[in-house]
C-alpha atoms as a PDB file:
ATOM      1  CA  MET A   1       0.018  -0.107   0.033  1.00  0.00           C
ATOM      2  CA  GLU A   2       2.919   2.338   0.619  1.00  0.00           C
ATOM      3  CA  LYS A   3       3.870   2.252  -3.169  1.00  0.00           C
ATOM      4  CA  ILE A   4       0.292   3.159  -3.917  1.00  0.00           C
ATOM      5  CA  VAL A   5       0.410   6.129  -1.577  1.00  0.00           C
ATOM      6  CA  LYS A   6       3.661   7.479  -3.060  1.00  0.00           C
ATOM      7  CA  LYS A   7       2.393   7.194  -6.615  1.00  0.00           C
ATOM      8  CA  LEU A   8      -0.885   8.970  -5.673  1.00  0.00           C
ATOM      9  CA  VAL A   9       0.835  11.635  -3.753  1.00  0.00           C
ATOM     10  CA  LYS A  10       3.155  12.338  -6.687  1.00  0.00           C
ATOM     11  CA  ALA A  11       0.138  12.271  -9.061  1.00  0.00           C
ATOM     12  CA  SER A  12      -1.826  14.807  -7.121  1.00  0.00           C
ATOM     13  CA  GLY A  13       0.824  17.036  -5.963  1.00  0.00           C
ATOM     14  CA  LYS A  14       1.105  18.030  -2.309  1.00  0.00           C
ATOM     15  CA  GLY A  15      -1.532  16.277  -0.130  1.00  0.00           C
ATOM     16  CA  LEU A  16      -2.180  14.162   2.848  1.00  0.00           C
ATOM     17  CA  LYS A  17      -0.870  10.617   2.505  1.00  0.00           C
ATOM     18  CA  ASN A  18      -3.625   8.761   4.482  1.00  0.00           C
ATOM     19  CA  LEU A  19      -6.316  10.778   2.710  1.00  0.00           C
ATOM     20  CA  LEU A  20      -5.120   9.997  -0.742  1.00  0.00           C
ATOM     21  CA  GLU A  21      -4.567   6.233   0.224  1.00  0.00           C
ATOM     22  CA  GLY A  22      -8.117   6.248   1.274  1.00  0.00           C
ATOM     23  CA  TYR A  23      -9.323   7.677  -1.907  1.00  0.00           C
ATOM     24  CA  LEU A  24      -7.736   5.022  -3.889  1.00  0.00           C
ATOM     25  CA  PHE A  25      -8.873   2.285  -1.689  1.00  0.00           C
ATOM     26  CA  LEU A  26     -12.551   3.271  -1.964  1.00  0.00           C
ATOM     27  CA  LEU A  27     -12.154   3.774  -5.640  1.00  0.00           C
ATOM     28  CA  ASP A  28     -10.476   0.468  -6.098  1.00  0.00           C
ATOM     29  CA  ILE A  29     -12.988  -1.619  -4.285  1.00  0.00           C
ATOM     30  CA  SER A  30     -15.953   0.026  -5.741  1.00  0.00           C
ATOM     31  CA  CYS A  31     -17.827  -1.317  -8.822  1.00  0.00           C
ATOM     32  CA  ALA A  32     -19.560   1.928  -9.335  1.00  0.00           C
ATOM     33  CA  PRO A  33     -18.876   5.738  -8.989  1.00  0.00           C
ATOM     34  CA  ILE A  34     -18.702   6.790  -5.369  1.00  0.00           C
ATOM     35  CA  SER A  35     -20.545   9.882  -4.052  1.00  0.00           C
ATOM     36  CA  ARG A  36     -18.315  12.636  -2.681  1.00  0.00           C
ATOM     37  CA  LYS A  37     -20.606  12.564   0.336  1.00  0.00           C
ATOM     38  CA  ILE A  38     -19.365   9.041   0.971  1.00  0.00           C
ATOM     39  CA  MET A  39     -15.753  10.257   0.817  1.00  0.00           C
ATOM     40  CA  LEU A  40     -16.636  12.940   3.327  1.00  0.00           C
ATOM     41  CA  ALA A  41     -18.453  10.463   5.541  1.00  0.00           C
ATOM     42  CA  GLN A  42     -15.397   8.214   5.595  1.00  0.00           C
ATOM     43  CA  PHE A  43     -12.870  10.833   6.218  1.00  0.00           C
ATOM     44  CA  GLY A  44     -14.761  13.765   7.604  1.00  0.00           C
ATOM     45  CA  GLU A  45     -13.931  12.942  11.233  1.00  0.00           C
ATOM     46  CA  ILE A  46     -10.162  13.015  10.505  1.00  0.00           C
ATOM     47  CA  PHE A  47      -9.667  15.443   7.628  1.00  0.00           C
ATOM     48  CA  ASN A  48     -11.070  18.964   6.948  1.00  0.00           C
ATOM     49  CA  PRO A  49     -13.797  18.692   4.106  1.00  0.00           C
ATOM     50  CA  HIS A  50     -11.983  21.471   2.216  1.00  0.00           C
ATOM     51  CA  SER A  51      -8.889  19.105   1.971  1.00  0.00           C
ATOM     52  CA  VAL A  52     -10.970  16.289   0.652  1.00  0.00           C
ATOM     53  CA  THR A  53     -12.387  18.620  -2.057  1.00  0.00           C
ATOM     54  CA  VAL A  54      -8.898  20.127  -2.995  1.00  0.00           C
ATOM     55  CA  ASN A  55      -7.245  16.699  -3.307  1.00  0.00           C
ATOM     56  CA  LEU A  56     -10.035  15.181  -5.443  1.00  0.00           C
ATOM     57  CA  GLN A  57      -9.698  18.349  -7.757  1.00  0.00           C
ATOM     58  CA  ARG A  58      -5.910  17.668  -8.031  1.00  0.00           C
ATOM     59  CA  LEU A  59      -6.487  14.005  -8.916  1.00  0.00           C
ATOM     60  CA  SER A  60      -9.198  15.049 -11.368  1.00  0.00           C
ATOM     61  CA  LYS A  61      -6.771  17.598 -13.092  1.00  0.00           C
ATOM     62  CA  LYS A  62      -4.090  14.991 -13.372  1.00  0.00           C
ATOM     63  CA  GLY A  63      -6.565  12.597 -15.122  1.00  0.00           C
ATOM     64  CA  PHE A  64      -6.726   9.933 -12.589  1.00  0.00           C
ATOM     65  CA  ILE A  65     -10.358  10.303 -11.636  1.00  0.00           C
ATOM     66  CA  SER A  66     -13.516  11.658 -13.164  1.00  0.00           C
ATOM     67  CA  GLN A  67     -16.073  13.721 -11.194  1.00  0.00           C
ATOM     68  CA  LEU A  68     -19.630  13.592 -12.588  1.00  0.00           C
ATOM     69  CA  LYS A  69     -22.557  15.651 -11.182  1.00  0.00           C
ATOM     70  CA  ASP A  70     -25.697  13.679 -10.594  1.00  0.00           C
ATOM     71  CA  LYS A  71     -28.536  15.883  -9.385  1.00  0.00           C
ATOM     72  CA  ASN A  72     -27.157  17.217  -6.054  1.00  0.00           C
ATOM     73  CA  ASN A  73     -24.348  14.737  -5.742  1.00  0.00           C
ATOM     74  CA  ILE A  74     -20.806  14.690  -7.213  1.00  0.00           C
ATOM     75  CA  LEU A  75     -19.855  11.035  -8.330  1.00  0.00           C
ATOM     76  CA  ILE A  76     -16.258   9.997  -8.393  1.00  0.00           C
ATOM     77  CA  LYS A  77     -14.759   7.221 -10.367  1.00  0.00           C
ATOM     78  CA  VAL A  78     -11.011   6.179 -11.173  1.00  0.00           C
ATOM     79  CA  PHE A  79     -10.355   5.790 -14.835  1.00  0.00           C
ATOM     80  CA  GLU A  80      -9.787   2.132 -15.831  1.00  0.00           C
ATOM     81  CA  SER A  81      -6.709   3.089 -17.990  1.00  0.00           C
ATOM     82  CA  LYS A  82      -5.098   4.619 -14.853  1.00  0.00           C
ATOM     83  CA  LYS A  83      -5.777   1.741 -12.508  1.00  0.00           C
ATOM     84  CA  PHE A  84      -2.666  -0.298 -13.440  1.00  0.00           C
ATOM     85  CA  GLN A  85      -0.494   2.830 -13.333  1.00  0.00           C
ATOM     86  CA  LEU A  86      -1.749   3.624  -9.844  1.00  0.00           C
ATOM     87  CA  LEU A  87      -1.790   0.137  -8.352  1.00  0.00           C
ATOM     88  CA  GLY A  88       1.465  -1.208  -9.873  1.00  0.00           C
ATOM     89  CA  ASP A  89      -0.439  -4.445  -9.983  1.00  0.00           C
ATOM     90  CA  TYR A  90       0.399  -7.449 -12.178  1.00  0.00           C
ATOM     91  CA  THR A  91      -3.032  -9.061 -11.573  1.00  0.00           C
ATOM     92  CA  THR A  92      -4.477  -7.471 -14.654  1.00  0.00           C
ATOM     93  CA  ILE A  93      -1.654  -8.855 -16.784  1.00  0.00           C
ATOM     94  CA  LYS A  94      -2.103 -12.421 -15.433  1.00  0.00           C
ATOM     95  CA  ILE A  95      -5.802 -12.421 -15.897  1.00  0.00           C
ATOM     96  CA  ASP A  96      -5.443 -11.241 -19.493  1.00  0.00           C
ATOM     97  CA  LYS A  97      -3.035 -14.038 -20.307  1.00  0.00           C
ATOM     98  CA  PHE A  98      -5.368 -16.440 -18.517  1.00  0.00           C
ATOM     99  CA  LYS A  99      -8.351 -15.404 -20.716  1.00  0.00           C
ATOM    100  CA  LYS A 100      -6.423 -16.252 -23.820  1.00  0.00           C
ATOM    101  CA  LYS A 101      -5.878 -19.788 -25.352  1.00  0.00           C
ATOM    102  CA  TRP A 102      -2.569 -21.260 -24.093  1.00  0.00           C
ATOM    103  CA  ASP A 103      -0.106 -22.128 -26.769  1.00  0.00           C
ATOM    104  CA  GLY A 104       1.085 -25.229 -24.952  1.00  0.00           C
ATOM    105  CA  VAL A 105       4.615 -23.771 -24.325  1.00  0.00           C
ATOM    106  CA  TRP A 106       6.338 -23.341 -20.913  1.00  0.00           C
ATOM    107  CA  ARG A 107       8.817 -20.602 -20.188  1.00  0.00           C
ATOM    108  CA  LEU A 108      11.714 -21.082 -17.895  1.00  0.00           C
ATOM    109  CA  ILE A 109      14.047 -18.606 -16.265  1.00  0.00           C
ATOM    110  CA  ILE A 110      17.281 -19.624 -14.654  1.00  0.00           C
ATOM    111  CA  TYR A 111      19.438 -16.998 -12.928  1.00  0.00           C
ATOM    112  CA  ASP A 112      22.673 -16.912 -10.969  1.00  0.00           C
ATOM    113  CA  ILE A 113      22.920 -13.426  -9.614  1.00  0.00           C
ATOM    114  CA  PRO A 114      25.974 -12.732  -7.372  1.00  0.00           C
ATOM    115  CA  GLU A 115      25.491 -11.678  -3.814  1.00  0.00           C
ATOM    116  CA  ILE A 116      26.761  -8.247  -4.455  1.00  0.00           C
ATOM    117  CA  LYS A 117      23.606  -7.773  -6.337  1.00  0.00           C
ATOM    118  CA  LYS A 118      21.412  -9.274  -3.667  1.00  0.00           C
ATOM    119  CA  ALA A 119      18.882  -6.333  -3.836  1.00  0.00           C
ATOM    120  CA  GLU A 120      18.403  -6.766  -7.618  1.00  0.00           C
ATOM    121  CA  ARG A 121      18.080 -10.476  -7.261  1.00  0.00           C
ATOM    122  CA  GLU A 122      15.353 -10.092  -4.605  1.00  0.00           C
ATOM    123  CA  TYR A 123      13.534  -7.554  -6.775  1.00  0.00           C
ATOM    124  CA  LEU A 124      13.549 -10.079  -9.636  1.00  0.00           C
ATOM    125  CA  ARG A 125      12.298 -12.863  -7.464  1.00  0.00           C
ATOM    126  CA  ILE A 126       9.289 -10.747  -6.099  1.00  0.00           C
ATOM    127  CA  THR A 127       8.507  -9.618  -9.675  1.00  0.00           C
ATOM    128  CA  LEU A 128       8.421 -13.131 -10.995  1.00  0.00           C
ATOM    129  CA  LYS A 129       6.251 -14.290  -8.063  1.00  0.00           C
ATOM    130  CA  LEU A 130       3.807 -11.502  -8.782  1.00  0.00           C
ATOM    131  CA  LEU A 131       3.693 -12.576 -12.430  1.00  0.00           C
ATOM    132  CA  GLY A 132       2.681 -16.071 -11.267  1.00  0.00           C
ATOM    133  CA  PHE A 133       6.026 -17.909 -11.957  1.00  0.00           C
ATOM    134  CA  GLY A 134       6.280 -21.168  -9.999  1.00  0.00           C
ATOM    135  CA  LYS A 135       9.478 -22.415  -8.313  1.00  0.00           C
ATOM    136  CA  ILE A 136      10.969 -25.516  -9.867  1.00  0.00           C
ATOM    137  CA  GLN A 137      14.192 -25.327  -7.984  1.00  0.00           C
ATOM    138  CA  ASP A 138      16.236 -22.564  -6.447  1.00  0.00           C
ATOM    139  CA  SER A 139      16.823 -19.790  -9.020  1.00  0.00           C
ATOM    140  CA  CYS A 140      14.783 -21.690 -11.483  1.00  0.00           C
ATOM    141  CA  LEU A 141      11.172 -20.748 -12.111  1.00  0.00           C
ATOM    142  CA  ALA A 142       8.591 -21.486 -14.839  1.00  0.00           C
ATOM    143  CA  SER A 143       5.470 -19.922 -16.260  1.00  0.00           C
ATOM    144  CA  PRO A 144       3.049 -21.094 -18.963  1.00  0.00           C
ATOM    145  CA  TYR A 145       2.953 -17.628 -20.325  1.00  0.00           C
ATOM    146  CA  ASP A 146       5.408 -15.567 -22.312  1.00  0.00           C
ATOM    147  CA  TYR A 147       6.817 -12.844 -20.210  1.00  0.00           C
ATOM    148  CA  SER A 148      10.339 -13.048 -21.943  1.00  0.00           C
ATOM    149  CA  TYR A 149      10.629  -9.656 -23.331  1.00  0.00           C
ATOM    150  CA  PHE A 150       9.221  -8.084 -20.157  1.00  0.00           C
ATOM    151  CA  VAL A 151      11.633 -10.053 -17.877  1.00  0.00           C
ATOM    152  CA  TYR A 152      14.647  -9.349 -20.124  1.00  0.00           C
ATOM    153  CA  ASP A 153      13.865  -5.707 -20.251  1.00  0.00           C
ATOM    154  CA  LEU A 154      13.548  -5.563 -16.594  1.00  0.00           C
ATOM    155  CA  CYS A 155      16.839  -7.379 -15.893  1.00  0.00           C
ATOM    156  CA  LYS A 156      18.560  -5.157 -18.504  1.00  0.00           C
ATOM    157  CA  LYS A 157      17.370  -1.988 -16.756  1.00  0.00           C
ATOM    158  CA  ARG A 158      18.386  -3.384 -13.319  1.00  0.00           C
ATOM    159  CA  GLY A 159      21.871  -4.408 -14.604  1.00  0.00           C
ATOM    160  CA  ILE A 160      21.410  -8.173 -14.199  1.00  0.00           C
ATOM    161  CA  ALA A 161      20.628  -9.200 -17.758  1.00  0.00           C
ATOM    162  CA  ASP A 162      24.021 -11.047 -17.908  1.00  0.00           C
ATOM    163  CA  TYR A 163      23.089 -13.338 -15.041  1.00  0.00           C
ATOM    164  CA  ILE A 164      19.926 -14.821 -16.432  1.00  0.00           C
ATOM    165  CA  CYS A 165      18.920 -17.391 -19.117  1.00  0.00           C
ATOM    166  CA  LEU A 166      15.467 -17.616 -20.556  1.00  0.00           C
ATOM    167  CA  TYR A 167      14.078 -20.802 -22.249  1.00  0.00           C
ATOM    168  CA  GLU A 168      10.871 -21.987 -23.701  1.00  0.00           C
ATOM    169  CA  GLY A 169       9.625 -25.338 -24.803  1.00  0.00           C
ATOM    170  CA  LYS A 170       7.445 -28.363 -23.848  1.00  0.00           C
ATOM    171  CA  PHE A 171       8.062 -30.804 -21.156  1.00  0.00           C
ATOM    172  CA  PHE A 172       8.438 -34.372 -22.376  1.00  0.00           C
ATOM    173  CA  ALA A 173      10.287 -36.332 -19.664  1.00  0.00           C
ATOM    174  CA  GLY A 174      10.854 -36.640 -15.990  1.00  0.00           C
ATOM    175  CA  LYS A 175       8.095 -35.582 -13.688  1.00  0.00           C
ATOM    176  CA  ASN A 176       4.622 -35.392 -15.310  1.00  0.00           C
ATOM    177  CA  THR A 177       3.053 -31.970 -15.473  1.00  0.00           C
ATOM    178  CA  ASP A 178       0.462 -32.522 -12.795  1.00  0.00           C
ATOM    179  CA  MET A 179       3.151 -33.360 -10.306  1.00  0.00           C
ATOM    180  CA  LEU A 180       5.301 -30.366 -11.401  1.00  0.00           C
ATOM    181  CA  ILE A 181       2.321 -27.913 -10.941  1.00  0.00           C
ATOM    182  CA  LYS A 182       1.527 -29.340  -7.604  1.00  0.00           C
ATOM    183  CA  GLU A 183       5.064 -28.712  -6.243  1.00  0.00           C
ATOM    184  CA  ALA A 184       5.627 -25.420  -7.965  1.00  0.00           C
ATOM    185  CA  TRP A 185       2.413 -23.715  -7.082  1.00  0.00           C
ATOM    186  CA  ASN A 186       0.412 -23.935  -3.798  1.00  0.00           C
ATOM    187  CA  LEU A 187      -2.941 -24.254  -5.565  1.00  0.00           C
ATOM    188  CA  GLY A 188      -4.459 -26.012  -2.685  1.00  0.00           C
ATOM    189  CA  LYS A 189      -4.132 -23.160  -0.341  1.00  0.00           C
ATOM    190  CA  ILE A 190      -5.242 -20.579  -2.962  1.00  0.00           C
ATOM    191  CA  LYS A 191      -8.257 -22.545  -3.719  1.00  0.00           C
ATOM    192  CA  GLU A 192      -9.130 -22.776   0.025  1.00  0.00           C
ATOM    193  CA  ASN A 193      -8.859 -18.961   0.349  1.00  0.00           C
ATOM    194  CA  TYR A 194     -11.238 -18.435  -2.609  1.00  0.00           C
ATOM    195  CA  HIS A 195     -13.710 -20.611  -0.725  1.00  0.00           C
ATOM    196  CA  LYS A 196     -13.216 -18.616   2.362  1.00  0.00           C
ATOM    197  CA  VAL A 197     -14.108 -15.565   0.323  1.00  0.00           C
ATOM    198  CA  ILE A 198     -17.248 -17.198  -1.051  1.00  0.00           C
ATOM    199  CA  THR A 199     -18.399 -18.171   2.361  1.00  0.00           C
ATOM    200  CA  ALA A 200     -17.788 -14.658   3.732  1.00  0.00           C
ATOM    201  CA  ILE A 201     -19.695 -13.186   0.854  1.00  0.00           C
ATOM    202  CA  ASP A 202     -22.694 -15.415   1.339  1.00  0.00           C
ATOM    203  CA  ASP A 203     -22.634 -14.509   4.964  1.00  0.00           C
ATOM    204  CA  LEU A 204     -22.601 -10.766   4.493  1.00  0.00           C
ATOM    205  CA  SER A 205     -25.160 -11.017   1.575  1.00  0.00           C
ATOM    206  CA  GLY A 206     -27.566 -12.625   3.981  1.00  0.00           C
ATOM    207  CA  LYS A 207     -27.067  -9.947   6.555  1.00  0.00           C
ATOM    208  CA  ILE A 208     -27.770  -7.267   3.933  1.00  0.00           C
ATOM    209  CA  GLY A 209     -30.821  -8.984   2.787  1.00  0.00           C
ATOM    210  CA  GLY A 210     -32.053  -9.373   6.369  1.00  0.00           C
ATOM    211  CA  GLY A 211     -31.003  -5.840   7.396  1.00  0.00           C
ATOM    212  CA  ARG A 212     -29.164  -7.286  10.460  1.00  0.00           C
ATOM    213  CA  THR A 213     -26.000  -5.202  10.423  1.00  0.00           C
ATOM    214  CA  ASP A 214     -25.449  -1.399  10.892  1.00  0.00           C
ATOM    215  CA  LEU A 215     -23.445   0.717   8.380  1.00  0.00           C
ATOM    216  CA  LYS A 216     -20.152   0.531  10.321  1.00  0.00           C
ATOM    217  CA  ASP A 217     -20.123  -3.206  10.643  1.00  0.00           C
ATOM    218  CA  PHE A 218     -21.506  -3.690   7.241  1.00  0.00           C
ATOM    219  CA  TYR A 219     -18.718  -1.737   5.626  1.00  0.00           C
ATOM    220  CA  LYS A 220     -15.995  -3.259   7.759  1.00  0.00           C
ATOM    221  CA  GLU A 221     -16.931  -6.642   6.887  1.00  0.00           C
ATOM    222  CA  TYR A 222     -16.940  -5.756   3.298  1.00  0.00           C
ATOM    223  CA  ILE A 223     -13.483  -4.349   3.510  1.00  0.00           C
ATOM    224  CA  ASP A 224     -12.315  -7.551   5.118  1.00  0.00           C
ATOM    225  CA  ILE A 225     -13.685  -9.717   2.296  1.00  0.00           C
ATOM    226  CA  TYR A 226     -12.143  -7.366  -0.173  1.00  0.00           C
ATOM    227  CA  ASN A 227      -8.775  -7.633   1.374  1.00  0.00           C
ATOM    228  CA  LEU A 228      -8.844 -11.428   1.394  1.00  0.00           C
ATOM    229  CA  PHE A 229     -10.056 -11.627  -2.161  1.00  0.00           C
ATOM    230  CA  LYS A 230      -7.500  -9.248  -3.412  1.00  0.00           C
ATOM    231  CA  GLU A 231      -4.716 -11.072  -1.565  1.00  0.00           C
ATOM    232  CA  THR A 232      -5.833 -14.412  -3.020  1.00  0.00           C
ATOM    233  CA  VAL A 233      -6.077 -13.063  -6.599  1.00  0.00           C
ATOM    234  CA  MET A 234      -2.562 -11.772  -6.256  1.00  0.00           C
ATOM    235  CA  GLN A 235      -1.253 -15.217  -5.205  1.00  0.00           C
ATOM    236  CA  ASP A 236      -3.255 -17.033  -8.009  1.00  0.00           C
ATOM    237  CA  PRO A 237      -0.845 -17.807 -10.936  1.00  0.00           C
ATOM    238  CA  PHE A 238      -3.734 -18.078 -13.214  1.00  0.00           C
ATOM    239  CA  LEU A 239      -2.581 -21.279 -14.846  1.00  0.00           C
ATOM    240  CA  PRO A 240      -4.293 -22.530 -18.021  1.00  0.00           C
ATOM    241  CA  GLU A 241      -7.673 -23.919 -17.351  1.00  0.00           C
ATOM    242  CA  GLN A 242      -6.722 -27.539 -18.381  1.00  0.00           C
ATOM    243  CA  PHE A 243      -4.585 -27.734 -15.179  1.00  0.00           C
ATOM    244  CA  LEU A 244      -7.336 -26.381 -12.812  1.00  0.00           C
ATOM    245  CA  ILE A 245     -10.082 -28.683 -11.489  1.00  0.00           C
ATOM    246  CA  ASP A 246     -13.304 -26.807 -10.266  1.00  0.00           C
ATOM    247  CA  TRP A 247     -11.175 -23.524  -9.910  1.00  0.00           C
ATOM    248  CA  PRO A 248     -13.337 -21.137  -7.981  1.00  0.00           C
ATOM    249  CA  PHE A 249     -12.000 -17.772  -9.253  1.00  0.00           C
ATOM    250  CA  LYS A 250     -14.807 -16.882 -11.687  1.00  0.00           C
ATOM    251  CA  GLU A 251     -17.474 -17.797  -9.070  1.00  0.00           C
ATOM    252  CA  THR A 252     -15.703 -15.818  -6.472  1.00  0.00           C
ATOM    253  CA  GLU A 253     -15.348 -12.823  -8.817  1.00  0.00           C
ATOM    254  CA  ASN A 254     -18.996 -12.823  -9.781  1.00  0.00           C
ATOM    255  CA  LYS A 255     -20.222 -13.066  -6.221  1.00  0.00           C
ATOM    256  CA  PHE A 256     -17.908 -10.232  -5.259  1.00  0.00           C
ATOM    257  CA  LYS A 257     -19.093  -8.006  -7.971  1.00  0.00           C
ATOM    258  CA  ILE A 258     -22.805  -8.514  -6.809  1.00  0.00           C
ATOM    259  CA  LEU A 259     -21.855  -7.998  -3.338  1.00  0.00           C
ATOM    260  CA  ALA A 260     -19.876  -4.707  -4.063  1.00  0.00           C
ATOM    261  CA  SER A 261     -22.844  -3.420  -6.004  1.00  0.00           C
ATOM    262  CA  SER A 262     -25.168  -4.195  -3.161  1.00  0.00           C
ATOM    263  CA  VAL A 263     -22.861  -2.757  -0.485  1.00  0.00           C
ATOM    264  CA  PHE A 264     -22.420   0.555  -2.224  1.00  0.00           C
ATOM    265  CA  LYS A 265     -26.161   0.724  -3.090  1.00  0.00           C
ATOM    266  CA  ASN A 266     -27.020   0.311   0.533  1.00  0.00           C
ATOM    267  CA  VAL A 267     -24.204   2.526   1.845  1.00  0.00           C
ATOM    268  CA  GLY A 268     -25.335   5.219  -0.601  1.00  0.00           C
ATOM    269  CA  LYS A 269     -28.872   5.038   0.690  1.00  0.00           C
ATOM    270  CA  LYS A 270     -27.802   5.767   4.175  1.00  0.00           C
ATOM    271  CA  LEU A 271     -25.257   8.378   3.296  1.00  0.00           C
ATOM    272  CA  LEU A 272     -26.845  10.309   0.460  1.00  0.00           C
ATOM    273  CA  ILE A 273     -30.110  11.209   2.257  1.00  0.00           C
END
């Protein structure tokens, strides 16, 4: 989240870090534009309403958000084209690869980066993990998707291109693919977390329908679900569908979208009157 804050602060000029972080958080978890009254209700006890307005105007001028007038309300929404830039998130890239037909080719990266470049080695390791690479052995990772040019360009910019090797091909001997996938990616834990999200969504949806929770608890539970869902999606390597049995991502995503719409609809009713 700290990286998000820094990027937003830089984008909007001088501002309050926590306030800007809150803006992005609310915009990120919403499936529909948020009223400025909701923003004020969330931050009004901590920040001066004028600061909220000024910072929103800055983000709007920089082209990160749009502010639309709807009767007596001003609705705020982050531009989809800016989300990746703001979040620095590889999830969108992985999902895009997942939705396309797999070409049947595996990509392998092997690196031997000296200790003197330990920081760069760790940066590469984290980046590969975020892209969904699985660990075959120490310093040897695999992916079913082609990130070769991206990874090479990254390593070149970080000064470690001479210490990596990139390969692509098809597995034809040794461990079978199912065993390799089981060892390289912790799919069982990821699947378990998706089901936890589904259970939590169903529980909160029932409370919303029965009117058994107040606004504070209502919103807090939603944020907890959002955090678990986003963390799980970030851990998901989004392997080709033929390697996934009853994979719950799509079901979880659909349920979360419905819940988000319901949450903001109900929150809006209470805050916009």
